[in-house]
Amino acid sequence: MKMISAIIRSSKVENVASQLKKIGVSGCTVFPVRGYGEEWHLYEPLIHGGHHKLEAIVEDAQVQGAIKEITEGAWTGMTGDGILSVFELDREVHIRTKERLA
């Protein structure tokens, strides 16, 4: 299993999450973030509407599809489109059931 973490424009979150659901990603976590990248500008959140971080745990077979959906769904071609990272997931435990999944 893998953890996909993506920083994307706030205006693209709904579209990206919807596309992930369509390809079978069972859930994701989304929260607003602040920070800076290569092109830091004090007023960037006002210009671009801010960014959100989207995290999803996916099966190995879903990784390429999820990357494709996120990059295509979040793309505008402008500076500040975001960044995506994929991490190896060592363990997953459902807290309610204490069931270890990975």
C-alpha atoms as a PDB file:
ATOM      1  CA  MET A   1       0.000   0.000   0.000  1.00  0.00           C
ATOM      2  CA  LYS A   2       1.049   3.577  -0.616  1.00  0.00           C
ATOM      3  CA  MET A   3       0.234   7.015   0.789  1.00  0.00           C
ATOM      4  CA  ILE A   4      -0.245   9.713  -1.822  1.00  0.00           C
ATOM      5  CA  SER A   5       0.122  13.281  -0.632  1.00  0.00           C
ATOM      6  CA  ALA A   6      -0.696  16.166  -2.963  1.00  0.00           C
ATOM      7  CA  ILE A   7      -0.723  19.917  -2.472  1.00  0.00           C
ATOM      8  CA  ILE A   8      -3.200  21.332  -4.996  1.00  0.00           C
ATOM      9  CA  ARG A   9      -5.151  24.500  -5.637  1.00  0.00           C
ATOM     10  CA  SER A  10      -8.220  24.789  -3.430  1.00  0.00           C
ATOM     11  CA  SER A  11     -10.399  25.270  -6.491  1.00  0.00           C
ATOM     12  CA  LYS A  12      -9.384  21.813  -7.788  1.00  0.00           C
ATOM     13  CA  VAL A  13     -10.045  19.738  -4.641  1.00  0.00           C
ATOM     14  CA  GLU A  14     -13.638  18.742  -5.376  1.00  0.00           C
ATOM     15  CA  ASN A  15     -12.823  17.675  -8.931  1.00  0.00           C
ATOM     16  CA  VAL A  16      -9.766  15.643  -7.898  1.00  0.00           C
ATOM     17  CA  ALA A  17     -11.540  13.923  -4.980  1.00  0.00           C
ATOM     18  CA  SER A  18     -14.452  13.033  -7.267  1.00  0.00           C
ATOM     19  CA  GLN A  19     -12.117  11.502  -9.850  1.00  0.00           C
ATOM     20  CA  LEU A  20     -10.288   9.473  -7.177  1.00  0.00           C
ATOM     21  CA  LYS A  21     -13.602   8.071  -5.978  1.00  0.00           C
ATOM     22  CA  LYS A  22     -14.514   7.089  -9.552  1.00  0.00           C
ATOM     23  CA  ILE A  23     -11.343   4.985  -9.898  1.00  0.00           C
ATOM     24  CA  GLY A  24     -12.002   3.177  -6.620  1.00  0.00           C
ATOM     25  CA  VAL A  25      -9.960   5.114  -4.058  1.00  0.00           C
ATOM     26  CA  SER A  26     -12.079   4.503  -0.963  1.00  0.00           C
ATOM     27  CA  GLY A  27     -11.295   7.740   0.869  1.00  0.00           C
ATOM     28  CA  CYS A  28      -9.051  10.733   1.262  1.00  0.00           C
ATOM     29  CA  THR A  29      -8.298  13.429   3.782  1.00  0.00           C
ATOM     30  CA  VAL A  30      -8.251  17.081   2.734  1.00  0.00           C
ATOM     31  CA  PHE A  31      -7.181  20.096   4.736  1.00  0.00           C
ATOM     32  CA  PRO A  32      -6.138  23.704   3.986  1.00  0.00           C
ATOM     33  CA  VAL A  33      -2.415  24.435   4.040  1.00  0.00           C
ATOM     34  CA  ARG A  34      -0.121  27.427   3.934  1.00  0.00           C
ATOM     35  CA  GLY A  35       3.458  27.474   2.798  1.00  0.00           C
ATOM     36  CA  TYR A  36       5.656  28.392  -0.098  1.00  0.00           C
ATOM     37  CA  GLY A  37       7.440  26.744  -2.991  1.00  0.00           C
ATOM     38  CA  GLU A  38       9.676  27.882  -5.812  1.00  0.00           C
ATOM     39  CA  GLU A  39       7.621  30.993  -6.541  1.00  0.00           C
ATOM     40  CA  TRP A  40       6.805  32.405  -3.097  1.00  0.00           C
ATOM     41  CA  HIS A  41       4.732  35.552  -3.048  1.00  0.00           C
ATOM     42  CA  LEU A  42       3.124  37.189  -0.018  1.00  0.00           C
ATOM     43  CA  TYR A  43      -0.255  37.598  -1.733  1.00  0.00           C
ATOM     44  CA  GLU A  44      -0.353  34.226  -3.509  1.00  0.00           C
ATOM     45  CA  PRO A  45      -3.338  32.885  -1.487  1.00  0.00           C
ATOM     46  CA  LEU A  46      -5.314  35.952  -2.552  1.00  0.00           C
ATOM     47  CA  ILE A  47      -4.322  35.506  -6.189  1.00  0.00           C
ATOM     48  CA  HIS A  48      -4.783  31.740  -6.459  1.00  0.00           C
ATOM     49  CA  GLY A  49      -7.371  31.134  -3.730  1.00  0.00           C
ATOM     50  CA  GLY A  50      -5.006  29.076  -1.576  1.00  0.00           C
ATOM     51  CA  HIS A  51      -4.053  25.418  -1.521  1.00  0.00           C
ATOM     52  CA  HIS A  52      -5.208  22.222   0.146  1.00  0.00           C
ATOM     53  CA  LYS A  53      -3.362  19.037   1.003  1.00  0.00           C
ATOM     54  CA  LEU A  54      -5.023  15.838  -0.125  1.00  0.00           C
ATOM     55  CA  GLU A  55      -3.876  12.510   1.339  1.00  0.00           C
ATOM     56  CA  ALA A  56      -5.060   9.081   0.216  1.00  0.00           C
ATOM     57  CA  ILE A  57      -4.048   5.533   1.059  1.00  0.00           C
ATOM     58  CA  VAL A  58      -4.179   3.405  -2.080  1.00  0.00           C
ATOM     59  CA  GLU A  59      -3.482  -0.157  -3.119  1.00  0.00           C
ATOM     60  CA  ASP A  60      -0.287  -0.640  -5.130  1.00  0.00           C
ATOM     61  CA  ALA A  61      -2.372  -1.337  -8.242  1.00  0.00           C
ATOM     62  CA  GLN A  62      -4.152   2.049  -7.874  1.00  0.00           C
ATOM     63  CA  VAL A  63      -1.034   4.219  -7.624  1.00  0.00           C
ATOM     64  CA  GLN A  64      -0.561   5.037 -11.312  1.00  0.00           C
ATOM     65  CA  GLY A  65      -4.258   5.738 -11.829  1.00  0.00           C
ATOM     66  CA  ALA A  66      -4.379   7.983  -8.766  1.00  0.00           C
ATOM     67  CA  ILE A  67      -1.293   9.905  -9.895  1.00  0.00           C
ATOM     68  CA  LYS A  68      -2.862  10.387 -13.338  1.00  0.00           C
ATOM     69  CA  GLU A  69      -6.197  11.596 -11.927  1.00  0.00           C
ATOM     70  CA  ILE A  70      -4.559  14.013  -9.467  1.00  0.00           C
ATOM     71  CA  THR A  71      -2.101  15.500 -11.958  1.00  0.00           C
ATOM     72  CA  GLU A  72      -4.710  15.877 -14.695  1.00  0.00           C
ATOM     73  CA  GLY A  73      -7.452  17.110 -12.363  1.00  0.00           C
ATOM     74  CA  ALA A  74      -5.244  19.657 -10.583  1.00  0.00           C
ATOM     75  CA  TRP A  75      -3.440  20.985 -13.664  1.00  0.00           C
ATOM     76  CA  THR A  76      -3.894  24.579 -14.841  1.00  0.00           C
ATOM     77  CA  GLY A  77      -0.479  25.082 -16.428  1.00  0.00           C
ATOM     78  CA  MET A  78       0.241  28.045 -14.172  1.00  0.00           C
ATOM     79  CA  THR A  79       2.850  28.470 -11.468  1.00  0.00           C
ATOM     80  CA  GLY A  80       1.520  27.117  -8.176  1.00  0.00           C
ATOM     81  CA  ASP A  81      -0.316  24.054  -9.512  1.00  0.00           C
ATOM     82  CA  GLY A  82       1.166  22.028  -6.664  1.00  0.00           C
ATOM     83  CA  ILE A  83       3.215  18.932  -5.965  1.00  0.00           C
ATOM     84  CA  LEU A  84       2.532  15.231  -5.455  1.00  0.00           C
ATOM     85  CA  SER A  85       4.499  12.670  -3.427  1.00  0.00           C
ATOM     86  CA  VAL A  86       4.106   8.910  -3.021  1.00  0.00           C
ATOM     87  CA  PHE A  87       5.247   7.157   0.164  1.00  0.00           C
ATOM     88  CA  GLU A  88       5.592   3.489   1.027  1.00  0.00           C
ATOM     89  CA  LEU A  89       3.065   2.651   3.753  1.00  0.00           C
ATOM     90  CA  ASP A  90       4.485   0.438   6.461  1.00  0.00           C
ATOM     91  CA  ARG A  91       1.303  -0.184   8.425  1.00  0.00           C
ATOM     92  CA  GLU A  92      -2.395   0.697   8.494  1.00  0.00           C
ATOM     93  CA  VAL A  93      -4.612   0.057  11.514  1.00  0.00           C
ATOM     94  CA  HIS A  94      -8.324   0.813  11.820  1.00  0.00           C
ATOM     95  CA  ILE A  95      -8.603   2.403  15.259  1.00  0.00           C
ATOM     96  CA  ARG A  96     -12.195   1.340  15.946  1.00  0.00           C
ATOM     97  CA  THR A  97     -11.640  -2.353  15.169  1.00  0.00           C
ATOM     98  CA  LYS A  98      -7.880  -2.463  15.884  1.00  0.00           C
ATOM     99  CA  GLU A  99      -7.622  -4.410  12.633  1.00  0.00           C
ATOM    100  CA  ARG A 100      -4.181  -4.236  11.066  1.00  0.00           C
ATOM    101  CA  LEU A 101      -4.495  -3.925   7.288  1.00  0.00           C
ATOM    102  CA  ALA A 102      -0.924  -3.563   6.023  1.00  0.00           C
END
